[in-house]
Amino acid sequence: MKERLTTELLAAAGGLAFFKVIFLPDANLLAWVFISMLLDLITGVVKAVVLKQARTSSGYRKTVIKFTQYAGAIAVGIILANTMQKDSAIVGYVNSALLILLIYIEATSIFENLYAIDNSSPFSRYFIAPILKLLTLAIKKSPLNQAAGKEK
């Protein structure tokens, strides 16, 4: 068993040796994307427990779908960066911006979950609510967004 595993690893490593990876995304940003996804999952589960909402497999399935979409977007960024060698600095900035956008989306979701858990405490009113308004740019209360909601 151990010999077979070692042989398979050597074969895979040999196959990958032919590929030259020029660009990988910033490891720090990439780690924060996955940390923020984990925190979003945890705060979502806590919110469901506190609000006595059923935790269903469809909710967990959405997390898997979100992870797949994020991983796909990151993979496309890596592929583009490695195929465009001349402009890899620009693509690197675009890939970093993508990771920052994913962190922003997850941070907004985390603060929405935290606010839903308890919106009456002083901490929630004076810390979480203002940050949530900053993150969403108060989009939910904008007249344009409310008018769009009435049309549906």
N, C-alpha and C. Protein backbone atom coordinates (compact mmCIF):
# COMPACT_ATOMS: atom_id res chain seq x y z
N MET A 1 0.83 -1.19 0.00
CA MET A 1 0.00 0.00 0.00
C MET A 1 0.87 1.26 0.00
N LYS A 2 1.90 1.26 0.86
CA LYS A 2 2.75 2.43 0.98
C LYS A 2 3.56 2.64 -0.31
N GLU A 3 4.02 1.53 -0.93
CA GLU A 3 4.77 1.65 -2.18
C GLU A 3 3.90 2.21 -3.29
N ARG A 4 2.64 1.74 -3.34
CA ARG A 4 1.73 2.20 -4.39
C ARG A 4 1.45 3.69 -4.24
N LEU A 5 1.24 4.13 -3.00
CA LEU A 5 0.98 5.54 -2.73
C LEU A 5 2.18 6.40 -3.12
N THR A 6 3.36 5.93 -2.79
CA THR A 6 4.58 6.67 -3.13
C THR A 6 4.75 6.74 -4.65
N THR A 7 4.49 5.64 -5.34
CA THR A 7 4.59 5.62 -6.79
C THR A 7 3.59 6.58 -7.42
N GLU A 8 2.36 6.60 -6.90
CA GLU A 8 1.34 7.50 -7.43
C GLU A 8 1.71 8.96 -7.20
N LEU A 9 2.26 9.26 -6.04
CA LEU A 9 2.68 10.63 -5.75
C LEU A 9 3.82 11.06 -6.66
N LEU A 10 4.77 10.17 -6.90
CA LEU A 10 5.88 10.49 -7.80
C LEU A 10 5.38 10.71 -9.22
N ALA A 11 4.44 9.89 -9.66
CA ALA A 11 3.89 10.05 -11.00
C ALA A 11 3.14 11.38 -11.13
N ALA A 12 2.36 11.73 -10.11
CA ALA A 12 1.63 13.01 -10.14
C ALA A 12 2.60 14.18 -10.11
N ALA A 13 3.62 14.11 -9.29
CA ALA A 13 4.61 15.19 -9.21
C ALA A 13 5.36 15.32 -10.53
N GLY A 14 5.68 14.20 -11.17
CA GLY A 14 6.36 14.24 -12.46
C GLY A 14 5.48 14.86 -13.53
N GLY A 15 4.20 14.56 -13.49
CA GLY A 15 3.26 15.16 -14.45
C GLY A 15 3.13 16.65 -14.25
N LEU A 16 3.12 17.08 -13.00
CA LEU A 16 3.01 18.51 -12.71
C LEU A 16 4.30 19.27 -13.00
N ALA A 17 5.42 18.57 -13.09
CA ALA A 17 6.70 19.23 -13.34
C ALA A 17 6.74 19.89 -14.71
N PHE A 18 5.90 19.42 -15.63
CA PHE A 18 5.88 20.01 -16.97
C PHE A 18 5.16 21.35 -17.00
N PHE A 19 4.36 21.64 -15.99
CA PHE A 19 3.63 22.90 -15.93
C PHE A 19 4.45 23.92 -15.15
N LYS A 20 4.52 25.09 -15.70
CA LYS A 20 5.24 26.17 -15.02
C LYS A 20 4.20 27.17 -14.52
N VAL A 21 4.09 27.29 -13.22
CA VAL A 21 3.13 28.21 -12.63
C VAL A 21 3.84 29.53 -12.38
N ILE A 22 3.40 30.54 -13.06
CA ILE A 22 4.03 31.85 -12.96
C ILE A 22 3.39 32.66 -11.84
N PHE A 23 2.08 32.56 -11.73
CA PHE A 23 1.38 33.41 -10.78
C PHE A 23 0.46 32.57 -9.91
N LEU A 24 0.54 32.77 -8.64
CA LEU A 24 -0.43 32.25 -7.69
C LEU A 24 -0.95 33.45 -6.91
N PRO A 25 -2.23 33.42 -6.50
CA PRO A 25 -2.75 34.57 -5.78
C PRO A 25 -2.05 34.76 -4.44
N ASP A 26 -2.19 35.95 -3.89
CA ASP A 26 -1.61 36.28 -2.61
C ASP A 26 -2.11 35.29 -1.56
N ALA A 27 -1.20 34.56 -0.96
CA ALA A 27 -1.57 33.51 0.00
C ALA A 27 -2.29 34.08 1.20
N ASN A 28 -1.91 35.27 1.63
CA ASN A 28 -2.56 35.90 2.77
C ASN A 28 -4.02 36.21 2.46
N LEU A 29 -4.28 36.81 1.30
CA LEU A 29 -5.66 37.11 0.91
C LEU A 29 -6.46 35.83 0.72
N LEU A 30 -5.84 34.84 0.11
CA LEU A 30 -6.52 33.57 -0.11
C LEU A 30 -6.91 32.92 1.21
N ALA A 31 -6.01 32.97 2.18
CA ALA A 31 -6.32 32.42 3.51
C ALA A 31 -7.49 33.17 4.14
N TRP A 32 -7.51 34.50 4.00
CA TRP A 32 -8.59 35.28 4.58
C TRP A 32 -9.92 35.01 3.89
N VAL A 33 -9.91 34.68 2.62
CA VAL A 33 -11.16 34.31 1.94
C VAL A 33 -11.75 33.07 2.61
N PHE A 34 -10.92 32.06 2.83
CA PHE A 34 -11.44 30.83 3.41
C PHE A 34 -11.77 30.99 4.89
N ILE A 35 -11.02 31.82 5.62
CA ILE A 35 -11.35 32.10 7.02
C ILE A 35 -12.69 32.82 7.09
N SER A 36 -12.90 33.79 6.21
CA SER A 36 -14.17 34.52 6.23
C SER A 36 -15.33 33.62 5.83
N MET A 37 -15.11 32.68 4.91
CA MET A 37 -16.16 31.72 4.56
C MET A 37 -16.51 30.85 5.76
N LEU A 38 -15.51 30.41 6.49
CA LEU A 38 -15.74 29.59 7.68
C LEU A 38 -16.50 30.39 8.75
N LEU A 39 -16.09 31.63 8.97
CA LEU A 39 -16.80 32.48 9.94
C LEU A 39 -18.24 32.74 9.52
N ASP A 40 -18.46 32.91 8.22
CA ASP A 40 -19.82 33.10 7.73
C ASP A 40 -20.67 31.86 7.99
N LEU A 41 -20.10 30.70 7.75
CA LEU A 41 -20.82 29.46 8.02
C LEU A 41 -21.15 29.34 9.51
N ILE A 42 -20.18 29.62 10.37
CA ILE A 42 -20.40 29.50 11.82
C ILE A 42 -21.46 30.50 12.28
N THR A 43 -21.34 31.76 11.86
CA THR A 43 -22.34 32.75 12.30
C THR A 43 -23.72 32.44 11.72
N GLY A 44 -23.77 31.86 10.53
CA GLY A 44 -25.05 31.47 9.96
C GLY A 44 -25.72 30.35 10.75
N VAL A 45 -24.93 29.39 11.19
CA VAL A 45 -25.47 28.29 12.00
C VAL A 45 -25.92 28.82 13.36
N VAL A 46 -25.10 29.68 13.98
CA VAL A 46 -25.48 30.27 15.27
C VAL A 46 -26.76 31.08 15.13
N LYS A 47 -26.88 31.85 14.06
CA LYS A 47 -28.10 32.62 13.81
C LYS A 47 -29.31 31.70 13.71
N ALA A 48 -29.17 30.60 12.98
CA ALA A 48 -30.28 29.66 12.83
C ALA A 48 -30.66 29.05 14.18
N VAL A 49 -29.66 28.75 15.02
CA VAL A 49 -29.94 28.17 16.34
C VAL A 49 -30.66 29.19 17.22
N VAL A 50 -30.14 30.42 17.26
CA VAL A 50 -30.72 31.46 18.12
C VAL A 50 -32.14 31.81 17.68
N LEU A 51 -32.37 31.89 16.38
CA LEU A 51 -33.69 32.24 15.87
C LEU A 51 -34.60 31.03 15.72
N LYS A 52 -34.11 29.88 16.14
CA LYS A 52 -34.86 28.61 16.09
C LYS A 52 -35.35 28.30 14.68
N GLN A 53 -34.45 28.50 13.72
CA GLN A 53 -34.72 28.14 12.34
C GLN A 53 -34.11 26.77 12.06
N ALA A 54 -34.78 26.01 11.23
CA ALA A 54 -34.27 24.69 10.90
C ALA A 54 -33.00 24.82 10.06
N ARG A 55 -32.02 24.02 10.41
CA ARG A 55 -30.79 23.95 9.61
C ARG A 55 -30.96 22.78 8.66
N THR A 56 -31.08 23.08 7.39
CA THR A 56 -31.36 22.04 6.41
C THR A 56 -30.15 21.77 5.54
N SER A 57 -30.22 20.65 4.87
CA SER A 57 -29.12 20.30 3.96
C SER A 57 -29.04 21.28 2.80
N SER A 58 -30.17 21.90 2.45
CA SER A 58 -30.12 22.87 1.35
C SER A 58 -29.29 24.09 1.73
N GLY A 59 -29.32 24.48 3.00
CA GLY A 59 -28.48 25.59 3.45
C GLY A 59 -27.01 25.25 3.37
N TYR A 60 -26.67 24.03 3.79
CA TYR A 60 -25.27 23.60 3.70
C TYR A 60 -24.86 23.42 2.24
N ARG A 61 -25.81 22.98 1.41
CA ARG A 61 -25.54 22.82 -0.01
C ARG A 61 -25.20 24.17 -0.65
N LYS A 62 -25.88 25.23 -0.20
CA LYS A 62 -25.58 26.57 -0.72
C LYS A 62 -24.14 26.97 -0.38
N THR A 63 -23.68 26.57 0.81
CA THR A 63 -22.30 26.87 1.19
C THR A 63 -21.32 26.15 0.27
N VAL A 64 -21.63 24.90 -0.06
CA VAL A 64 -20.76 24.14 -0.96
C VAL A 64 -20.77 24.77 -2.35
N ILE A 65 -21.95 25.21 -2.80
CA ILE A 65 -22.05 25.86 -4.10
C ILE A 65 -21.25 27.16 -4.10
N LYS A 66 -21.36 27.93 -3.01
CA LYS A 66 -20.61 29.19 -2.90
C LYS A 66 -19.12 28.91 -2.92
N PHE A 67 -18.67 27.90 -2.20
CA PHE A 67 -17.26 27.53 -2.19
C PHE A 67 -16.80 27.16 -3.60
N THR A 68 -17.62 26.40 -4.31
CA THR A 68 -17.28 25.98 -5.67
C THR A 68 -17.19 27.20 -6.60
N GLN A 69 -18.12 28.14 -6.46
CA GLN A 69 -18.07 29.33 -7.29
C GLN A 69 -16.84 30.17 -6.99
N TYR A 70 -16.52 30.33 -5.71
CA TYR A 70 -15.33 31.10 -5.34
C TYR A 70 -14.07 30.42 -5.87
N ALA A 71 -13.99 29.10 -5.68
CA ALA A 71 -12.81 28.37 -6.15
C ALA A 71 -12.69 28.46 -7.67
N GLY A 72 -13.83 28.39 -8.37
CA GLY A 72 -13.81 28.51 -9.82
C GLY A 72 -13.34 29.88 -10.27
N ALA A 73 -13.81 30.93 -9.62
CA ALA A 73 -13.39 32.29 -9.97
C ALA A 73 -11.89 32.47 -9.72
N ILE A 74 -11.41 31.94 -8.60
CA ILE A 74 -9.99 32.05 -8.28
C ILE A 74 -9.17 31.25 -9.29
N ALA A 75 -9.65 30.06 -9.66
CA ALA A 75 -8.94 29.23 -10.64
C ALA A 75 -8.87 29.93 -12.00
N VAL A 76 -9.96 30.56 -12.41
CA VAL A 76 -9.96 31.29 -13.69
C VAL A 76 -8.94 32.43 -13.62
N GLY A 77 -8.88 33.11 -12.49
CA GLY A 77 -7.89 34.17 -12.33
C GLY A 77 -6.47 33.65 -12.44
N ILE A 78 -6.22 32.50 -11.84
CA ILE A 78 -4.88 31.89 -11.92
C ILE A 78 -4.56 31.50 -13.36
N ILE A 79 -5.54 30.91 -14.03
CA ILE A 79 -5.33 30.50 -15.43
C ILE A 79 -5.04 31.72 -16.30
N LEU A 80 -5.83 32.79 -16.13
CA LEU A 80 -5.59 34.00 -16.92
C LEU A 80 -4.22 34.59 -16.63
N ALA A 81 -3.85 34.61 -15.36
CA ALA A 81 -2.55 35.18 -15.00
C ALA A 81 -1.40 34.37 -15.60
N ASN A 82 -1.57 33.07 -15.67
CA ASN A 82 -0.51 32.23 -16.19
C ASN A 82 -0.47 32.20 -17.71
N THR A 83 -1.55 32.56 -18.37
CA THR A 83 -1.54 32.59 -19.84
C THR A 83 -1.13 33.96 -20.36
N MET A 84 -1.26 34.99 -19.55
CA MET A 84 -0.91 36.35 -19.97
C MET A 84 0.37 36.78 -19.27
N GLN A 85 1.48 36.20 -19.67
CA GLN A 85 2.76 36.44 -18.99
C GLN A 85 3.20 37.90 -19.05
N LYS A 86 2.95 38.57 -20.16
CA LYS A 86 3.43 39.94 -20.31
C LYS A 86 2.73 40.90 -19.35
N ASP A 87 1.45 40.72 -19.17
CA ASP A 87 0.68 41.63 -18.33
C ASP A 87 0.31 40.99 -17.00
N SER A 88 1.15 40.13 -16.48
CA SER A 88 0.80 39.42 -15.25
C SER A 88 0.67 40.34 -14.05
N ALA A 89 1.34 41.51 -14.06
CA ALA A 89 1.19 42.44 -12.94
C ALA A 89 -0.24 42.98 -12.89
N ILE A 90 -0.79 43.32 -14.05
CA ILE A 90 -2.16 43.82 -14.09
C ILE A 90 -3.13 42.73 -13.67
N VAL A 91 -2.92 41.53 -14.19
CA VAL A 91 -3.79 40.41 -13.83
C VAL A 91 -3.64 40.09 -12.35
N GLY A 92 -2.44 40.26 -11.82
CA GLY A 92 -2.23 40.06 -10.38
C GLY A 92 -3.06 41.03 -9.56
N TYR A 93 -3.12 42.28 -10.00
CA TYR A 93 -3.96 43.26 -9.30
C TYR A 93 -5.43 42.89 -9.40
N VAL A 94 -5.84 42.41 -10.57
CA VAL A 94 -7.23 42.00 -10.76
C VAL A 94 -7.55 40.81 -9.86
N ASN A 95 -6.62 39.85 -9.78
CA ASN A 95 -6.85 38.69 -8.92
C ASN A 95 -6.90 39.09 -7.45
N SER A 96 -6.05 40.00 -7.03
CA SER A 96 -6.10 40.48 -5.65
C SER A 96 -7.41 41.21 -5.39
N ALA A 97 -7.87 41.99 -6.37
CA ALA A 97 -9.16 42.68 -6.23
C ALA A 97 -10.30 41.67 -6.11
N LEU A 98 -10.21 40.57 -6.87
CA LEU A 98 -11.23 39.52 -6.77
C LEU A 98 -11.26 38.94 -5.36
N LEU A 99 -10.10 38.64 -4.80
CA LEU A 99 -10.04 38.09 -3.45
C LEU A 99 -10.57 39.08 -2.43
N ILE A 100 -10.24 40.35 -2.60
CA ILE A 100 -10.75 41.38 -1.68
C ILE A 100 -12.27 41.48 -1.80
N LEU A 101 -12.80 41.38 -3.00
CA LEU A 101 -14.25 41.40 -3.20
C LEU A 101 -14.91 40.22 -2.49
N LEU A 102 -14.32 39.03 -2.60
CA LEU A 102 -14.88 37.86 -1.92
C LEU A 102 -14.85 38.04 -0.41
N ILE A 103 -13.78 38.61 0.12
CA ILE A 103 -13.70 38.88 1.56
C ILE A 103 -14.76 39.90 1.96
N TYR A 104 -14.96 40.92 1.15
CA TYR A 104 -15.98 41.93 1.41
C TYR A 104 -17.38 41.30 1.46
N ILE A 105 -17.68 40.43 0.50
CA ILE A 105 -18.99 39.76 0.47
C ILE A 105 -19.19 38.93 1.73
N GLU A 106 -18.17 38.18 2.11
CA GLU A 106 -18.27 37.34 3.31
C GLU A 106 -18.37 38.18 4.58
N ALA A 107 -17.60 39.27 4.66
CA ALA A 107 -17.66 40.14 5.85
C ALA A 107 -19.05 40.74 6.00
N THR A 108 -19.65 41.15 4.89
CA THR A 108 -21.01 41.69 4.94
C THR A 108 -21.98 40.64 5.45
N SER A 109 -21.86 39.43 4.97
CA SER A 109 -22.73 38.34 5.41
C SER A 109 -22.52 38.02 6.89
N ILE A 110 -21.27 38.06 7.35
CA ILE A 110 -20.98 37.81 8.77
C ILE A 110 -21.66 38.86 9.63
N PHE A 111 -21.54 40.13 9.27
CA PHE A 111 -22.17 41.19 10.06
C PHE A 111 -23.69 41.13 9.98
N GLU A 112 -24.25 40.71 8.85
CA GLU A 112 -25.70 40.52 8.77
C GLU A 112 -26.15 39.42 9.72
N ASN A 113 -25.39 38.33 9.78
CA ASN A 113 -25.71 37.25 10.71
C ASN A 113 -25.60 37.71 12.15
N LEU A 114 -24.53 38.44 12.48
CA LEU A 114 -24.34 38.93 13.84
C LEU A 114 -25.47 39.88 14.25
N TYR A 115 -25.90 40.72 13.33
CA TYR A 115 -26.98 41.65 13.63
C TYR A 115 -28.30 40.91 13.81
N ALA A 116 -28.52 39.86 13.02
CA ALA A 116 -29.76 39.08 13.14
C ALA A 116 -29.80 38.29 14.44
N ILE A 117 -28.64 37.89 14.95
CA ILE A 117 -28.59 37.12 16.20
C ILE A 117 -29.15 37.96 17.35
N ASP A 118 -28.72 39.22 17.45
CA ASP A 118 -29.22 40.11 18.51
C ASP A 118 -29.06 41.54 18.04
N ASN A 119 -30.18 42.16 17.68
CA ASN A 119 -30.10 43.54 17.19
C ASN A 119 -30.50 44.56 18.24
N SER A 120 -30.72 44.13 19.48
CA SER A 120 -31.16 45.06 20.51
C SER A 120 -30.07 45.41 21.53
N SER A 121 -28.98 44.69 21.55
CA SER A 121 -27.92 44.98 22.52
C SER A 121 -27.18 46.26 22.13
N PRO A 122 -26.60 46.95 23.12
CA PRO A 122 -25.83 48.16 22.79
C PRO A 122 -24.68 47.88 21.81
N PHE A 123 -24.00 46.75 21.97
CA PHE A 123 -22.92 46.39 21.06
C PHE A 123 -23.43 46.28 19.63
N SER A 124 -24.58 45.66 19.50
CA SER A 124 -25.16 45.49 18.17
C SER A 124 -25.60 46.82 17.58
N ARG A 125 -26.23 47.66 18.40
CA ARG A 125 -26.73 48.95 17.90
C ARG A 125 -25.62 49.93 17.57
N TYR A 126 -24.56 49.95 18.41
CA TYR A 126 -23.53 50.98 18.25
C TYR A 126 -22.27 50.51 17.53
N PHE A 127 -22.14 49.22 17.31
CA PHE A 127 -20.95 48.73 16.61
C PHE A 127 -21.33 47.97 15.35
N ILE A 128 -22.14 46.92 15.51
CA ILE A 128 -22.46 46.06 14.36
C ILE A 128 -23.32 46.80 13.34
N ALA A 129 -24.36 47.49 13.79
CA ALA A 129 -25.26 48.18 12.86
C ALA A 129 -24.53 49.24 12.02
N PRO A 130 -23.71 50.12 12.63
CA PRO A 130 -23.00 51.09 11.79
C PRO A 130 -22.03 50.45 10.79
N ILE A 131 -21.34 49.41 11.22
CA ILE A 131 -20.42 48.74 10.29
C ILE A 131 -21.20 48.08 9.16
N LEU A 132 -22.34 47.49 9.49
CA LEU A 132 -23.18 46.87 8.47
C LEU A 132 -23.68 47.92 7.48
N LYS A 133 -24.04 49.09 7.99
CA LYS A 133 -24.48 50.17 7.09
C LYS A 133 -23.34 50.63 6.20
N LEU A 134 -22.14 50.69 6.75
CA LEU A 134 -20.97 51.06 5.94
C LEU A 134 -20.70 50.01 4.86
N LEU A 135 -20.77 48.75 5.26
CA LEU A 135 -20.48 47.67 4.31
C LEU A 135 -21.50 47.61 3.18
N THR A 136 -22.77 47.82 3.53
CA THR A 136 -23.81 47.76 2.50
C THR A 136 -24.06 49.11 1.86
N LEU A 137 -23.32 50.13 2.34
CA LEU A 137 -23.49 51.49 1.85
C LEU A 137 -24.94 51.94 1.99
N ALA A 138 -25.60 51.39 3.01
CA ALA A 138 -27.02 51.68 3.29
C ALA A 138 -27.88 51.45 2.05
N ILE A 139 -27.52 50.45 1.26
CA ILE A 139 -28.23 50.15 0.02
C ILE A 139 -29.65 49.69 0.29
N LYS A 140 -29.85 48.96 1.38
CA LYS A 140 -31.18 48.41 1.65
C LYS A 140 -32.23 49.50 1.83
N LYS A 141 -31.83 50.66 2.36
CA LYS A 141 -32.79 51.74 2.61
C LYS A 141 -32.80 52.79 1.51
N SER A 142 -32.02 52.60 0.48
CA SER A 142 -31.98 53.61 -0.58
C SER A 142 -33.30 53.63 -1.33
N PRO A 143 -33.77 54.80 -1.74
CA PRO A 143 -35.04 54.91 -2.47
C PRO A 143 -35.03 54.10 -3.76
N LEU A 144 -33.89 54.05 -4.42
CA LEU A 144 -33.79 53.30 -5.67
C LEU A 144 -34.01 51.81 -5.43
N ASN A 145 -33.41 51.28 -4.37
CA ASN A 145 -33.57 49.87 -4.04
C ASN A 145 -35.00 49.57 -3.61
N GLN A 146 -35.63 50.46 -2.84
CA GLN A 146 -37.00 50.25 -2.41
C GLN A 146 -37.95 50.30 -3.60
N ALA A 147 -37.70 51.19 -4.55
CA ALA A 147 -38.54 51.27 -5.75
C ALA A 147 -38.40 50.00 -6.58
N ALA A 148 -37.19 49.46 -6.65
CA ALA A 148 -36.98 48.21 -7.40
C ALA A 148 -37.70 47.06 -6.72
N GLY A 149 -37.75 47.06 -5.38
CA GLY A 149 -38.44 46.01 -4.65
C GLY A 149 -39.94 46.05 -4.85
N LYS A 150 -40.51 47.24 -5.04
CA LYS A 150 -41.95 47.38 -5.25
C LYS A 150 -42.37 46.88 -6.62
N GLU A 151 -41.47 46.94 -7.59
CA GLU A 151 -41.79 46.50 -8.95
C GLU A 151 -41.95 45.00 -9.04
N LYS A 152 -41.33 44.28 -8.14
CA LYS A 152 -41.37 42.81 -8.20
C LYS A 152 -42.69 42.31 -7.79
